[in-house]
Amino acid sequence: ARNTADLQMNNLKPEDTAVYYCYGR
């Protein structure tokens, strides 16, 4: 309804460090 997509990230680790990009198709 709102055209949104969320990413809940728990128990984050140093190797998760990055630039995160949203992608749509």
PDB file of all heavy atoms in Angstrom:
ATOM      1  N   ALA A   1       0.830  -1.207   0.000  1.00  0.00           N
ATOM      2  CA  ALA A   1       0.000   0.000   0.000  1.00  0.00           C
ATOM      3  C   ALA A   1       0.867   1.260   0.000  1.00  0.00           C
ATOM      4  O   ALA A   1       0.483   2.289  -0.568  1.00  0.00           O
ATOM      5  CB  ALA A   1      -0.930  -0.010   1.198  1.00  0.00           C
ATOM      6  N   ARG A   2       2.021   1.175   0.653  1.00  0.00           N
ATOM      7  CA  ARG A   2       2.914   2.335   0.746  1.00  0.00           C
ATOM      8  C   ARG A   2       4.102   2.232  -0.206  1.00  0.00           C
ATOM      9  O   ARG A   2       4.936   3.138  -0.261  1.00  0.00           O
ATOM     10  CB  ARG A   2       3.416   2.508   2.171  1.00  0.00           C
ATOM     11  CG  ARG A   2       2.321   2.817   3.191  1.00  0.00           C
ATOM     12  CD  ARG A   2       2.905   3.215   4.545  1.00  0.00           C
ATOM     13  NE  ARG A   2       3.748   2.174   5.100  1.00  0.00           N
ATOM     14  CZ  ARG A   2       5.011   2.364   5.470  1.00  0.00           C
ATOM     15  NH1 ARG A   2       5.593   3.533   5.319  1.00  0.00           N
ATOM     16  NH2 ARG A   2       5.703   1.373   5.988  1.00  0.00           N
ATOM     17  N   ASN A   3       4.214   1.120  -0.951  1.00  0.00           N
ATOM     18  CA  ASN A   3       5.338   0.900  -1.878  1.00  0.00           C
ATOM     19  C   ASN A   3       6.678   0.973  -1.149  1.00  0.00           C
ATOM     20  O   ASN A   3       7.615   1.641  -1.612  1.00  0.00           O
ATOM     21  CB  ASN A   3       5.303   1.907  -3.029  1.00  0.00           C
ATOM     22  CG  ASN A   3       4.052   1.788  -3.860  1.00  0.00           C
ATOM     23  OD1 ASN A   3       3.505   0.709  -4.035  1.00  0.00           O
ATOM     24  ND2 ASN A   3       3.573   2.919  -4.366  1.00  0.00           N
ATOM     25  N   THR A   4       6.767   0.289  -0.018  1.00  0.00           N
ATOM     26  CA  THR A   4       8.011   0.289   0.736  1.00  0.00           C
ATOM     27  C   THR A   4       8.492  -1.143   0.974  1.00  0.00           C
ATOM     28  O   THR A   4       7.697  -2.084   0.983  1.00  0.00           O
ATOM     29  CB  THR A   4       7.857   0.980   2.099  1.00  0.00           C
ATOM     30  OG1 THR A   4       6.857   0.296   2.852  1.00  0.00           O
ATOM     31  CG2 THR A   4       7.465   2.438   1.941  1.00  0.00           C
ATOM     32  N   ALA A   5       9.789  -1.273   1.172  1.00  0.00           N
ATOM     33  CA  ALA A   5      10.401  -2.556   1.527  1.00  0.00           C
ATOM     34  C   ALA A   5      11.432  -2.284   2.608  1.00  0.00           C
ATOM     35  O   ALA A   5      12.318  -1.442   2.422  1.00  0.00           O
ATOM     36  CB  ALA A   5      11.055  -3.211   0.324  1.00  0.00           C
ATOM     37  N   ASP A   6      11.308  -2.974   3.716  1.00  0.00           N
ATOM     38  CA  ASP A   6      12.207  -2.794   4.839  1.00  0.00           C
ATOM     39  C   ASP A   6      13.118  -4.007   4.998  1.00  0.00           C
ATOM     40  O   ASP A   6      12.744  -5.130   4.651  1.00  0.00           O
ATOM     41  CB  ASP A   6      11.415  -2.597   6.135  1.00  0.00           C
ATOM     42  CG  ASP A   6      10.682  -1.268   6.161  1.00  0.00           C
ATOM     43  OD1 ASP A   6      10.894  -0.445   5.249  1.00  0.00           O
ATOM     44  OD2 ASP A   6       9.893  -1.064   7.101  1.00  0.00           O
ATOM     45  N   LEU A   7      14.283  -3.764   5.553  1.00  0.00           N
ATOM     46  CA  LEU A   7      15.215  -4.838   5.884  1.00  0.00           C
ATOM     47  C   LEU A   7      15.576  -4.698   7.357  1.00  0.00           C
ATOM     48  O   LEU A   7      16.297  -3.763   7.735  1.00  0.00           O
ATOM     49  CB  LEU A   7      16.465  -4.767   5.018  1.00  0.00           C
ATOM     50  CG  LEU A   7      17.449  -5.924   5.208  1.00  0.00           C
ATOM     51  CD1 LEU A   7      16.845  -7.236   4.679  1.00  0.00           C
ATOM     52  CD2 LEU A   7      18.771  -5.639   4.497  1.00  0.00           C
ATOM     53  N   GLN A   8      15.051  -5.584   8.171  1.00  0.00           N
ATOM     54  CA  GLN A   8      15.384  -5.610   9.593  1.00  0.00           C
ATOM     55  C   GLN A   8      16.630  -6.456   9.767  1.00  0.00           C
ATOM     56  O   GLN A   8      16.643  -7.637   9.388  1.00  0.00           O
ATOM     57  CB  GLN A   8      14.232  -6.195  10.405  1.00  0.00           C
ATOM     58  CG  GLN A   8      14.524  -6.334  11.887  1.00  0.00           C
ATOM     59  CD  GLN A   8      14.704  -4.998  12.569  1.00  0.00           C
ATOM     60  OE1 GLN A   8      13.977  -4.049  12.302  1.00  0.00           O
ATOM     61  NE2 GLN A   8      15.693  -4.904  13.453  1.00  0.00           N
ATOM     62  N   MET A   9      17.660  -5.860  10.326  1.00  0.00           N
ATOM     63  CA  MET A   9      18.939  -6.548  10.481  1.00  0.00           C
ATOM     64  C   MET A   9      19.265  -6.681  11.957  1.00  0.00           C
ATOM     65  O   MET A   9      19.435  -5.674  12.654  1.00  0.00           O
ATOM     66  CB  MET A   9      20.042  -5.763   9.757  1.00  0.00           C
ATOM     67  CG  MET A   9      19.745  -5.506   8.292  1.00  0.00           C
ATOM     68  SD  MET A   9      21.093  -4.702   7.412  1.00  0.00           S
ATOM     69  CE  MET A   9      21.140  -3.119   8.240  1.00  0.00           C
ATOM     70  N   ASN A  10      19.324  -7.909  12.435  1.00  0.00           N
ATOM     71  CA  ASN A  10      19.634  -8.194  13.837  1.00  0.00           C
ATOM     72  C   ASN A  10      20.960  -8.935  13.952  1.00  0.00           C
ATOM     73  O   ASN A  10      21.444  -9.515  12.978  1.00  0.00           O
ATOM     74  CB  ASN A  10      18.519  -9.047  14.453  1.00  0.00           C
ATOM     75  CG  ASN A  10      17.182  -8.343  14.460  1.00  0.00           C
ATOM     76  OD1 ASN A  10      17.088  -7.123  14.570  1.00  0.00           O
ATOM     77  ND2 ASN A  10      16.118  -9.114  14.333  1.00  0.00           N
ATOM     78  N   ASN A  11      21.521  -8.922  15.147  1.00  0.00           N
ATOM     79  CA  ASN A  11      22.786  -9.612  15.405  1.00  0.00           C
ATOM     80  C   ASN A  11      23.825  -9.264  14.334  1.00  0.00           C
ATOM     81  O   ASN A  11      24.452 -10.148  13.744  1.00  0.00           O
ATOM     82  CB  ASN A  11      22.572 -11.124  15.468  1.00  0.00           C
ATOM     83  CG  ASN A  11      23.791 -11.870  15.962  1.00  0.00           C
ATOM     84  OD1 ASN A  11      24.660 -11.300  16.622  1.00  0.00           O
ATOM     85  ND2 ASN A  11      23.875 -13.144  15.622  1.00  0.00           N
ATOM     86  N   LEU A  12      23.999  -7.988  14.106  1.00  0.00           N
ATOM     87  CA  LEU A  12      24.905  -7.538  13.050  1.00  0.00           C
ATOM     88  C   LEU A  12      26.347  -7.874  13.370  1.00  0.00           C
ATOM     89  O   LEU A  12      26.760  -7.871  14.547  1.00  0.00           O
ATOM     90  CB  LEU A  12      24.743  -6.036  12.829  1.00  0.00           C
ATOM     91  CG  LEU A  12      23.499  -5.658  12.023  1.00  0.00           C
ATOM     92  CD1 LEU A  12      23.121  -4.203  12.235  1.00  0.00           C
ATOM     93  CD2 LEU A  12      23.734  -5.930  10.540  1.00  0.00           C
ATOM     94  N   LYS A  13      27.091  -8.173  12.321  1.00  0.00           N
ATOM     95  CA  LYS A  13      28.489  -8.559  12.442  1.00  0.00           C
ATOM     96  C   LYS A  13      29.352  -7.563  11.646  1.00  0.00           C
ATOM     97  O   LYS A  13      28.861  -6.939  10.703  1.00  0.00           O
ATOM     98  CB  LYS A  13      28.687  -9.966  11.889  1.00  0.00           C
ATOM     99  CG  LYS A  13      27.810 -11.011  12.544  1.00  0.00           C
ATOM    100  CD  LYS A  13      27.982 -12.370  11.894  1.00  0.00           C
ATOM    101  CE  LYS A  13      27.096 -13.416  12.559  1.00  0.00           C
ATOM    102  NZ  LYS A  13      27.274 -14.749  11.944  1.00  0.00           N
ATOM    103  N   PRO A  14      30.623  -7.451  12.002  1.00  0.00           N
ATOM    104  CA  PRO A  14      31.502  -6.535  11.243  1.00  0.00           C
ATOM    105  C   PRO A  14      31.489  -6.815   9.744  1.00  0.00           C
ATOM    106  O   PRO A  14      31.593  -5.877   8.941  1.00  0.00           O
ATOM    107  CB  PRO A  14      32.868  -6.789  11.867  1.00  0.00           C
ATOM    108  CG  PRO A  14      32.567  -7.193  13.286  1.00  0.00           C
ATOM    109  CD  PRO A  14      31.309  -8.015  13.191  1.00  0.00           C
ATOM    110  N   GLU A  15      31.329  -8.069   9.369  1.00  0.00           N
ATOM    111  CA  GLU A  15      31.329  -8.413   7.938  1.00  0.00           C
ATOM    112  C   GLU A  15      30.062  -7.966   7.228  1.00  0.00           C
ATOM    113  O   GLU A  15      29.971  -8.089   6.002  1.00  0.00           O
ATOM    114  CB  GLU A  15      31.545  -9.920   7.734  1.00  0.00           C
ATOM    115  CG  GLU A  15      30.625 -10.808   8.531  1.00  0.00           C
ATOM    116  CD  GLU A  15      31.269 -11.281   9.832  1.00  0.00           C
ATOM    117  OE1 GLU A  15      31.948 -10.478  10.502  1.00  0.00           O
ATOM    118  OE2 GLU A  15      31.040 -12.464  10.186  1.00  0.00           O
ATOM    119  N   ASP A  16      29.084  -7.457   7.959  1.00  0.00           N
ATOM    120  CA  ASP A  16      27.891  -6.878   7.343  1.00  0.00           C
ATOM    121  C   ASP A  16      28.121  -5.425   6.922  1.00  0.00           C
ATOM    122  O   ASP A  16      27.247  -4.824   6.281  1.00  0.00           O
ATOM    123  CB  ASP A  16      26.704  -6.930   8.305  1.00  0.00           C
ATOM    124  CG  ASP A  16      26.273  -8.351   8.627  1.00  0.00           C
ATOM    125  OD1 ASP A  16      26.212  -9.184   7.707  1.00  0.00           O
ATOM    126  OD2 ASP A  16      25.987  -8.623   9.806  1.00  0.00           O
ATOM    127  N   THR A  17      29.264  -4.878   7.292  1.00  0.00           N
ATOM    128  CA  THR A  17      29.570  -3.500   6.931  1.00  0.00           C
ATOM    129  C   THR A  17      29.638  -3.350   5.417  1.00  0.00           C
ATOM    130  O   THR A  17      30.354  -4.089   4.738  1.00  0.00           O
ATOM    131  CB  THR A  17      30.911  -3.075   7.549  1.00  0.00           C
ATOM    132  OG1 THR A  17      30.788  -3.066   8.972  1.00  0.00           O
ATOM    133  CG2 THR A  17      31.321  -1.694   7.065  1.00  0.00           C
ATOM    134  N   ALA A  18      28.858  -2.405   4.905  1.00  0.00           N
ATOM    135  CA  ALA A  18      28.780  -2.200   3.454  1.00  0.00           C
ATOM    136  C   ALA A  18      27.847  -1.028   3.173  1.00  0.00           C
ATOM    137  O   ALA A  18      27.147  -0.548   4.074  1.00  0.00           O
ATOM    138  CB  ALA A  18      28.250  -3.448   2.754  1.00  0.00           C
ATOM    139  N   VAL A  19      27.829  -0.620   1.916  1.00  0.00           N
ATOM    140  CA  VAL A  19      26.779   0.273   1.452  1.00  0.00           C
ATOM    141  C   VAL A  19      25.632  -0.616   0.979  1.00  0.00           C
ATOM    142  O   VAL A  19      25.836  -1.530   0.176  1.00  0.00           O
ATOM    143  CB  VAL A  19      27.263   1.179   0.301  1.00  0.00           C
ATOM    144  CG1 VAL A  19      26.119   2.054  -0.200  1.00  0.00           C
ATOM    145  CG2 VAL A  19      28.428   2.050   0.769  1.00  0.00           C
ATOM    146  N   TYR A  20      24.459  -0.363   1.498  1.00  0.00           N
ATOM    147  CA  TYR A  20      23.286  -1.166   1.163  1.00  0.00           C
ATOM    148  C   TYR A  20      22.443  -0.396   0.148  1.00  0.00           C
ATOM    149  O   TYR A  20      22.145   0.792   0.337  1.00  0.00           O
ATOM    150  CB  TYR A  20      22.476  -1.470   2.419  1.00  0.00           C
ATOM    151  CG  TYR A  20      23.097  -2.560   3.250  1.00  0.00           C
ATOM    152  CD1 TYR A  20      24.285  -2.341   3.947  1.00  0.00           C
ATOM    153  CD2 TYR A  20      22.519  -3.830   3.329  1.00  0.00           C
ATOM    154  CE1 TYR A  20      24.881  -3.345   4.699  1.00  0.00           C
ATOM    155  CE2 TYR A  20      23.099  -4.837   4.077  1.00  0.00           C
ATOM    156  CZ  TYR A  20      24.278  -4.592   4.752  1.00  0.00           C
ATOM    157  OH  TYR A  20      24.864  -5.595   5.487  1.00  0.00           O
ATOM    158  N   TYR A  21      22.052  -1.113  -0.900  1.00  0.00           N
ATOM    159  CA  TYR A  21      21.280  -0.511  -1.989  1.00  0.00           C
ATOM    160  C   TYR A  21      19.925  -1.191  -2.133  1.00  0.00           C
ATOM    161  O   TYR A  21      19.832  -2.421  -2.100  1.00  0.00           O
ATOM    162  CB  TYR A  21      22.021  -0.662  -3.309  1.00  0.00           C
ATOM    163  CG  TYR A  21      23.341   0.063  -3.391  1.00  0.00           C
ATOM    164  CD1 TYR A  21      24.515  -0.561  -3.011  1.00  0.00           C
ATOM    165  CD2 TYR A  21      23.403   1.371  -3.860  1.00  0.00           C
ATOM    166  CE1 TYR A  21      25.735   0.101  -3.086  1.00  0.00           C
ATOM    167  CE2 TYR A  21      24.614   2.045  -3.952  1.00  0.00           C
ATOM    168  CZ  TYR A  21      25.772   1.399  -3.559  1.00  0.00           C
ATOM    169  OH  TYR A  21      26.972   2.060  -3.633  1.00  0.00           O
ATOM    170  N   CYS A  22      18.924  -0.385  -2.337  1.00  0.00           N
ATOM    171  CA  CYS A  22      17.605  -0.894  -2.681  1.00  0.00           C
ATOM    172  C   CYS A  22      17.550  -1.085  -4.190  1.00  0.00           C
ATOM    173  O   CYS A  22      18.076  -0.250  -4.955  1.00  0.00           O
ATOM    174  CB  CYS A  22      16.533   0.089  -2.232  1.00  0.00           C
ATOM    175  SG  CYS A  22      14.848  -0.458  -2.548  1.00  0.00           S
ATOM    176  N   TYR A  23      16.920  -2.169  -4.610  1.00  0.00           N
ATOM    177  CA  TYR A  23      16.817  -2.516  -6.033  1.00  0.00           C
ATOM    178  C   TYR A  23      15.382  -2.925  -6.315  1.00  0.00           C
ATOM    179  O   TYR A  23      14.778  -3.668  -5.540  1.00  0.00           O
ATOM    180  CB  TYR A  23      17.773  -3.671  -6.322  1.00  0.00           C
ATOM    181  CG  TYR A  23      17.605  -4.338  -7.667  1.00  0.00           C
ATOM    182  CD1 TYR A  23      18.294  -3.882  -8.781  1.00  0.00           C
ATOM    183  CD2 TYR A  23      16.791  -5.447  -7.805  1.00  0.00           C
ATOM    184  CE1 TYR A  23      18.166  -4.510 -10.002  1.00  0.00           C
ATOM    185  CE2 TYR A  23      16.652  -6.080  -9.019  1.00  0.00           C
ATOM    186  CZ  TYR A  23      17.344  -5.613 -10.117  1.00  0.00           C
ATOM    187  OH  TYR A  23      17.220  -6.236 -11.333  1.00  0.00           O
ATOM    188  N   GLY A  24      14.840  -2.423  -7.411  1.00  0.00           N
ATOM    189  CA  GLY A  24      13.483  -2.785  -7.783  1.00  0.00           C
ATOM    190  C   GLY A  24      13.408  -3.268  -9.221  1.00  0.00           C
ATOM    191  O   GLY A  24      14.179  -2.823 -10.068  1.00  0.00           O
ATOM    192  N   ARG A  25      12.489  -4.184  -9.444  1.00  0.00           N
ATOM    193  CA  ARG A  25      12.296  -4.700 -10.807  1.00  0.00           C
ATOM    194  C   ARG A  25      10.810  -4.715 -11.134  1.00  0.00           C
ATOM    195  O   ARG A  25      10.003  -5.186 -10.330  1.00  0.00           O
ATOM    196  CB  ARG A  25      12.877  -6.103 -10.947  1.00  0.00           C
ATOM    197  CG  ARG A  25      12.827  -6.659 -12.373  1.00  0.00           C
ATOM    198  CD  ARG A  25      13.576  -7.975 -12.456  1.00  0.00           C
ATOM    199  NE  ARG A  25      12.914  -9.034 -11.728  1.00  0.00           N
ATOM    200  CZ  ARG A  25      11.938  -9.788 -12.217  1.00  0.00           C
ATOM    201  NH1 ARG A  25      11.493  -9.568 -13.455  1.00  0.00           N
ATOM    202  NH2 ARG A  25      11.407 -10.755 -11.496  1.00  0.00           N
TER     203      ARG A  25
END
